[in-house]
Amino acid sequence: MKIYLVQHGACLEKTINPEQALSAEGKQAVDNLCQFLSFLKLEVHSLWHSEKLRAKQTAEALVAGLIFKGKIESRKGLAPMDAVEPIEKILKQLNQDIVLVGHMPFMGKLVAKLVVNDENQNLVSFVPGTMVCLEQDEDHAWHIQWMINPNVVNKTMLRCS
């Protein structure tokens, strides 16, 4: 099983947009990520996002780059300061690949909790629009398989065009 953890794309400042919708830069970064993902042909059965608008917009945009066989769901427990244990328990019961779209510091803590069982470890450096792929082995241990961020995607897309 694989979990794809995504930090939402860059968003507008609260003073400009109280709901902090994706900025033009954030939309472009997520679109570029979708183009990159389309080459990987990732098959995903569930896509969950936090209740915040920027996460919802990121999730809805990501579907274009995936082979998606489920539904997009808004879920509690993916907000910036939420505890990771409730989502960790739910993930242990799943057996199909899933995308989670959320926020920092939650996403970083979830990666650390799953991989080294210590949410206080800083294992990956998320920036808005980053995706991290975790894979579970036959012993149910999680491993970081790869990660991609908008800076790498943008450079890759420039070289391919």
C-alpha atoms as a PDB file:
ATOM      1  CA  MET A   1       0.000   0.000   0.000  1.00  0.00           C
ATOM      2  CA  LYS A   2       1.114   3.541  -0.730  1.00  0.00           C
ATOM      3  CA  ILE A   3       0.200   6.833   0.866  1.00  0.00           C
ATOM      4  CA  TYR A   4       0.810  10.033  -1.062  1.00  0.00           C
ATOM      5  CA  LEU A   5       1.037  12.989   1.322  1.00  0.00           C
ATOM      6  CA  VAL A   6       0.618  16.422  -0.241  1.00  0.00           C
ATOM      7  CA  GLN A   7       0.957  19.844   1.280  1.00  0.00           C
ATOM      8  CA  HIS A   8      -1.583  22.150  -0.361  1.00  0.00           C
ATOM      9  CA  GLY A   9      -0.346  24.595  -2.999  1.00  0.00           C
ATOM     10  CA  ALA A  10       0.723  28.128  -2.112  1.00  0.00           C
ATOM     11  CA  CYS A  11      -2.207  30.252  -0.991  1.00  0.00           C
ATOM     12  CA  LEU A  12      -3.229  33.866  -0.724  1.00  0.00           C
ATOM     13  CA  GLU A  13      -2.552  35.822   2.457  1.00  0.00           C
ATOM     14  CA  LYS A  14      -5.437  36.003   4.925  1.00  0.00           C
ATOM     15  CA  THR A  15      -5.551  39.796   4.484  1.00  0.00           C
ATOM     16  CA  ILE A  16      -6.203  39.329   0.751  1.00  0.00           C
ATOM     17  CA  ASN A  17      -8.512  36.317   0.999  1.00  0.00           C
ATOM     18  CA  PRO A  18      -9.810  35.254   4.438  1.00  0.00           C
ATOM     19  CA  GLU A  19     -10.344  31.662   3.232  1.00  0.00           C
ATOM     20  CA  GLN A  20      -6.786  31.576   1.847  1.00  0.00           C
ATOM     21  CA  ALA A  21      -7.638  30.137  -1.562  1.00  0.00           C
ATOM     22  CA  LEU A  22      -4.793  28.953  -3.779  1.00  0.00           C
ATOM     23  CA  SER A  23      -2.763  31.754  -5.301  1.00  0.00           C
ATOM     24  CA  ALA A  24      -1.993  31.865  -9.032  1.00  0.00           C
ATOM     25  CA  GLU A  25       1.466  30.514  -8.176  1.00  0.00           C
ATOM     26  CA  GLY A  26      -0.099  27.738  -6.089  1.00  0.00           C
ATOM     27  CA  LYS A  27      -2.490  26.758  -8.884  1.00  0.00           C
ATOM     28  CA  GLN A  28       0.378  26.656 -11.383  1.00  0.00           C
ATOM     29  CA  ALA A  29       2.529  24.526  -9.068  1.00  0.00           C
ATOM     30  CA  VAL A  30      -0.317  22.035  -8.555  1.00  0.00           C
ATOM     31  CA  ASP A  31      -1.004  21.944 -12.315  1.00  0.00           C
ATOM     32  CA  ASN A  32       2.683  21.224 -12.938  1.00  0.00           C
ATOM     33  CA  LEU A  33       2.592  18.484 -10.307  1.00  0.00           C
ATOM     34  CA  CYS A  34      -0.428  16.971 -12.105  1.00  0.00           C
ATOM     35  CA  GLN A  35       1.437  16.925 -15.402  1.00  0.00           C
ATOM     36  CA  PHE A  36       4.360  15.206 -13.709  1.00  0.00           C
ATOM     37  CA  LEU A  37       2.079  12.678 -11.988  1.00  0.00           C
ATOM     38  CA  SER A  38       0.357  11.817 -15.254  1.00  0.00           C
ATOM     39  CA  PHE A  39       3.656  10.304 -16.469  1.00  0.00           C
ATOM     40  CA  LEU A  40       3.768   8.049 -13.383  1.00  0.00           C
ATOM     41  CA  LYS A  41       0.248   6.679 -13.958  1.00  0.00           C
ATOM     42  CA  LEU A  42      -0.501   6.474 -10.235  1.00  0.00           C
ATOM     43  CA  GLU A  43      -3.680   4.553  -9.467  1.00  0.00           C
ATOM     44  CA  VAL A  44      -5.371   5.871  -6.344  1.00  0.00           C
ATOM     45  CA  HIS A  45      -8.609   4.736  -4.727  1.00  0.00           C
ATOM     46  CA  SER A  46      -9.175   7.509  -2.181  1.00  0.00           C
ATOM     47  CA  LEU A  47      -8.305  11.175  -1.910  1.00  0.00           C
ATOM     48  CA  TRP A  48      -8.848  12.940   1.393  1.00  0.00           C
ATOM     49  CA  HIS A  49      -8.284  16.617   2.105  1.00  0.00           C
ATOM     50  CA  SER A  50      -8.635  18.865   5.120  1.00  0.00           C
ATOM     51  CA  GLU A  51     -11.645  21.104   5.493  1.00  0.00           C
ATOM     52  CA  LYS A  52      -9.685  24.186   4.421  1.00  0.00           C
ATOM     53  CA  LEU A  53     -10.354  25.640   0.960  1.00  0.00           C
ATOM     54  CA  ARG A  54      -6.726  25.546  -0.230  1.00  0.00           C
ATOM     55  CA  ALA A  55      -6.511  21.808   0.516  1.00  0.00           C
ATOM     56  CA  LYS A  56      -9.822  21.160  -1.253  1.00  0.00           C
ATOM     57  CA  GLN A  57      -8.670  23.110  -4.330  1.00  0.00           C
ATOM     58  CA  THR A  58      -5.371  21.205  -4.365  1.00  0.00           C
ATOM     59  CA  ALA A  59      -7.156  17.846  -4.070  1.00  0.00           C
ATOM     60  CA  GLU A  60      -9.625  18.643  -6.841  1.00  0.00           C
ATOM     61  CA  ALA A  61      -6.797  19.716  -9.144  1.00  0.00           C
ATOM     62  CA  LEU A  62      -4.670  16.627  -8.381  1.00  0.00           C
ATOM     63  CA  VAL A  63      -7.306  14.259  -9.767  1.00  0.00           C
ATOM     64  CA  ALA A  64      -6.335  15.340 -13.290  1.00  0.00           C
ATOM     65  CA  GLY A  65      -2.889  13.768 -12.855  1.00  0.00           C
ATOM     66  CA  LEU A  66      -4.028  10.475 -11.342  1.00  0.00           C
ATOM     67  CA  ILE A  67      -5.818   7.313 -12.358  1.00  0.00           C
ATOM     68  CA  PHE A  68      -8.497   7.948  -9.780  1.00  0.00           C
ATOM     69  CA  LYS A  69     -10.994   5.259  -8.821  1.00  0.00           C
ATOM     70  CA  GLY A  70     -12.788   6.731  -5.857  1.00  0.00           C
ATOM     71  CA  LYS A  71     -14.152   9.926  -4.466  1.00  0.00           C
ATOM     72  CA  ILE A  72     -12.695  13.081  -3.008  1.00  0.00           C
ATOM     73  CA  GLU A  73     -13.548  13.440   0.673  1.00  0.00           C
ATOM     74  CA  SER A  74     -13.194  16.295   3.118  1.00  0.00           C
ATOM     75  CA  ARG A  75     -11.927  14.785   6.380  1.00  0.00           C
ATOM     76  CA  LYS A  76     -11.421  16.072   9.872  1.00  0.00           C
ATOM     77  CA  GLY A  77      -7.996  15.333  11.331  1.00  0.00           C
ATOM     78  CA  LEU A  78      -5.811  16.816   8.564  1.00  0.00           C
ATOM     79  CA  ALA A  79      -5.638  20.406   9.836  1.00  0.00           C
ATOM     80  CA  PRO A  80      -2.278  22.040  10.629  1.00  0.00           C
ATOM     81  CA  MET A  81      -2.283  21.401  14.380  1.00  0.00           C
ATOM     82  CA  ASP A  82      -4.274  18.154  14.524  1.00  0.00           C
ATOM     83  CA  ALA A  83      -2.883  15.115  16.328  1.00  0.00           C
ATOM     84  CA  VAL A  84      -1.538  12.461  13.951  1.00  0.00           C
ATOM     85  CA  GLU A  85      -2.676   9.389  15.913  1.00  0.00           C
ATOM     86  CA  PRO A  86      -6.326   9.363  14.746  1.00  0.00           C
ATOM     87  CA  ILE A  87      -5.355   9.424  11.045  1.00  0.00           C
ATOM     88  CA  GLU A  88      -2.544   6.931  11.685  1.00  0.00           C
ATOM     89  CA  LYS A  89      -5.087   4.482  13.155  1.00  0.00           C
ATOM     90  CA  ILE A  90      -7.402   4.893  10.164  1.00  0.00           C
ATOM     91  CA  LEU A  91      -4.537   4.387   7.703  1.00  0.00           C
ATOM     92  CA  LYS A  92      -3.593   1.108   9.402  1.00  0.00           C
ATOM     93  CA  GLN A  93      -7.033  -0.249   8.478  1.00  0.00           C
ATOM     94  CA  LEU A  94      -6.779   0.643   4.786  1.00  0.00           C
ATOM     95  CA  ASN A  95      -5.442  -1.606   2.059  1.00  0.00           C
ATOM     96  CA  GLN A  96      -5.631   0.637  -1.014  1.00  0.00           C
ATOM     97  CA  ASP A  97      -3.472   3.530  -2.136  1.00  0.00           C
ATOM     98  CA  ILE A  98      -4.592   6.939  -0.919  1.00  0.00           C
ATOM     99  CA  VAL A  99      -3.717  10.621  -1.308  1.00  0.00           C
ATOM    100  CA  LEU A 100      -3.925  12.913   1.723  1.00  0.00           C
ATOM    101  CA  VAL A 101      -3.861  16.683   1.159  1.00  0.00           C
ATOM    102  CA  GLY A 102      -3.169  18.731   4.245  1.00  0.00           C
ATOM    103  CA  HIS A 103      -0.967  21.265   5.943  1.00  0.00           C
ATOM    104  CA  MET A 104       2.234  21.742   7.848  1.00  0.00           C
ATOM    105  CA  PRO A 105       3.190  20.900  10.498  1.00  0.00           C
ATOM    106  CA  PHE A 106       0.687  18.010  10.386  1.00  0.00           C
ATOM    107  CA  MET A 107       2.012  16.419   7.179  1.00  0.00           C
ATOM    108  CA  GLY A 108       5.619  16.398   8.383  1.00  0.00           C
ATOM    109  CA  LYS A 109       4.582  14.919  11.712  1.00  0.00           C
ATOM    110  CA  LEU A 110       2.533  12.195  10.018  1.00  0.00           C
ATOM    111  CA  VAL A 111       5.481  11.176   7.819  1.00  0.00           C
ATOM    112  CA  ALA A 112       7.745  10.979  10.880  1.00  0.00           C
ATOM    113  CA  LYS A 113       5.183   9.053  12.944  1.00  0.00           C
ATOM    114  CA  LEU A 114       4.636   6.476  10.207  1.00  0.00           C
ATOM    115  CA  VAL A 115       8.296   6.041   9.222  1.00  0.00           C
ATOM    116  CA  VAL A 116      10.186   6.265  12.552  1.00  0.00           C
ATOM    117  CA  ASN A 117       7.320   6.271  15.083  1.00  0.00           C
ATOM    118  CA  ASP A 118       8.348   9.727  16.340  1.00  0.00           C
ATOM    119  CA  GLU A 119       6.320  12.661  15.061  1.00  0.00           C
ATOM    120  CA  ASN A 120       8.930  15.098  16.398  1.00  0.00           C
ATOM    121  CA  GLN A 121      11.587  13.976  13.916  1.00  0.00           C
ATOM    122  CA  ASN A 122      12.017  16.216  10.882  1.00  0.00           C
ATOM    123  CA  LEU A 123      12.412  13.703   8.045  1.00  0.00           C
ATOM    124  CA  VAL A 124      11.293  15.674   5.001  1.00  0.00           C
ATOM    125  CA  SER A 125      11.178  19.327   4.078  1.00  0.00           C
ATOM    126  CA  PHE A 126       7.713  20.222   2.831  1.00  0.00           C
ATOM    127  CA  VAL A 127       7.015  23.394   0.876  1.00  0.00           C
ATOM    128  CA  PRO A 128       3.565  24.171  -0.543  1.00  0.00           C
ATOM    129  CA  GLY A 129       2.851  21.705  -3.350  1.00  0.00           C
ATOM    130  CA  THR A 130       5.220  18.970  -2.120  1.00  0.00           C
ATOM    131  CA  MET A 131       4.211  15.308  -2.507  1.00  0.00           C
ATOM    132  CA  VAL A 132       5.810  12.477  -0.517  1.00  0.00           C
ATOM    133  CA  CYS A 133       5.204   8.817  -1.347  1.00  0.00           C
ATOM    134  CA  LEU A 134       5.294   6.333   1.525  1.00  0.00           C
ATOM    135  CA  GLU A 135       5.094   2.605   0.896  1.00  0.00           C
ATOM    136  CA  GLN A 136       4.284  -0.094   3.403  1.00  0.00           C
ATOM    137  CA  ASP A 137       6.319  -3.300   3.228  1.00  0.00           C
ATOM    138  CA  GLU A 138       5.206  -6.843   4.050  1.00  0.00           C
ATOM    139  CA  ASP A 139       6.103  -6.262   7.726  1.00  0.00           C
ATOM    140  CA  HIS A 140       3.781  -3.218   7.785  1.00  0.00           C
ATOM    141  CA  ALA A 141       6.712  -0.803   8.140  1.00  0.00           C
ATOM    142  CA  TRP A 142       6.480   2.472   6.204  1.00  0.00           C
ATOM    143  CA  HIS A 143       9.320   3.749   3.998  1.00  0.00           C
ATOM    144  CA  ILE A 144       9.794   6.959   2.055  1.00  0.00           C
ATOM    145  CA  GLN A 145       9.886   5.932  -1.613  1.00  0.00           C
ATOM    146  CA  TRP A 146      10.204   9.370  -3.187  1.00  0.00           C
ATOM    147  CA  MET A 147       9.250  12.998  -2.873  1.00  0.00           C
ATOM    148  CA  ILE A 148       8.803  15.856  -5.308  1.00  0.00           C
ATOM    149  CA  ASN A 149       8.362  19.569  -4.776  1.00  0.00           C
ATOM    150  CA  PRO A 150       7.340  22.438  -7.066  1.00  0.00           C
ATOM    151  CA  ASN A 151      10.923  23.594  -7.595  1.00  0.00           C
ATOM    152  CA  VAL A 152      11.940  20.214  -9.002  1.00  0.00           C
ATOM    153  CA  VAL A 153       8.713  19.828 -10.993  1.00  0.00           C
ATOM    154  CA  ASN A 154       9.105  23.274 -12.563  1.00  0.00           C
ATOM    155  CA  LYS A 155      12.688  22.542 -13.635  1.00  0.00           C
ATOM    156  CA  THR A 156      11.656  19.134 -14.993  1.00  0.00           C
ATOM    157  CA  MET A 157       8.749  20.623 -16.939  1.00  0.00           C
ATOM    158  CA  LEU A 158      10.997  23.296 -18.441  1.00  0.00           C
ATOM    159  CA  ARG A 159      13.439  20.659 -19.683  1.00  0.00           C
ATOM    160  CA  CYS A 160      10.648  18.552 -21.175  1.00  0.00           C
ATOM    161  CA  SER A 161       9.043  21.367 -23.136  1.00  0.00           C
END
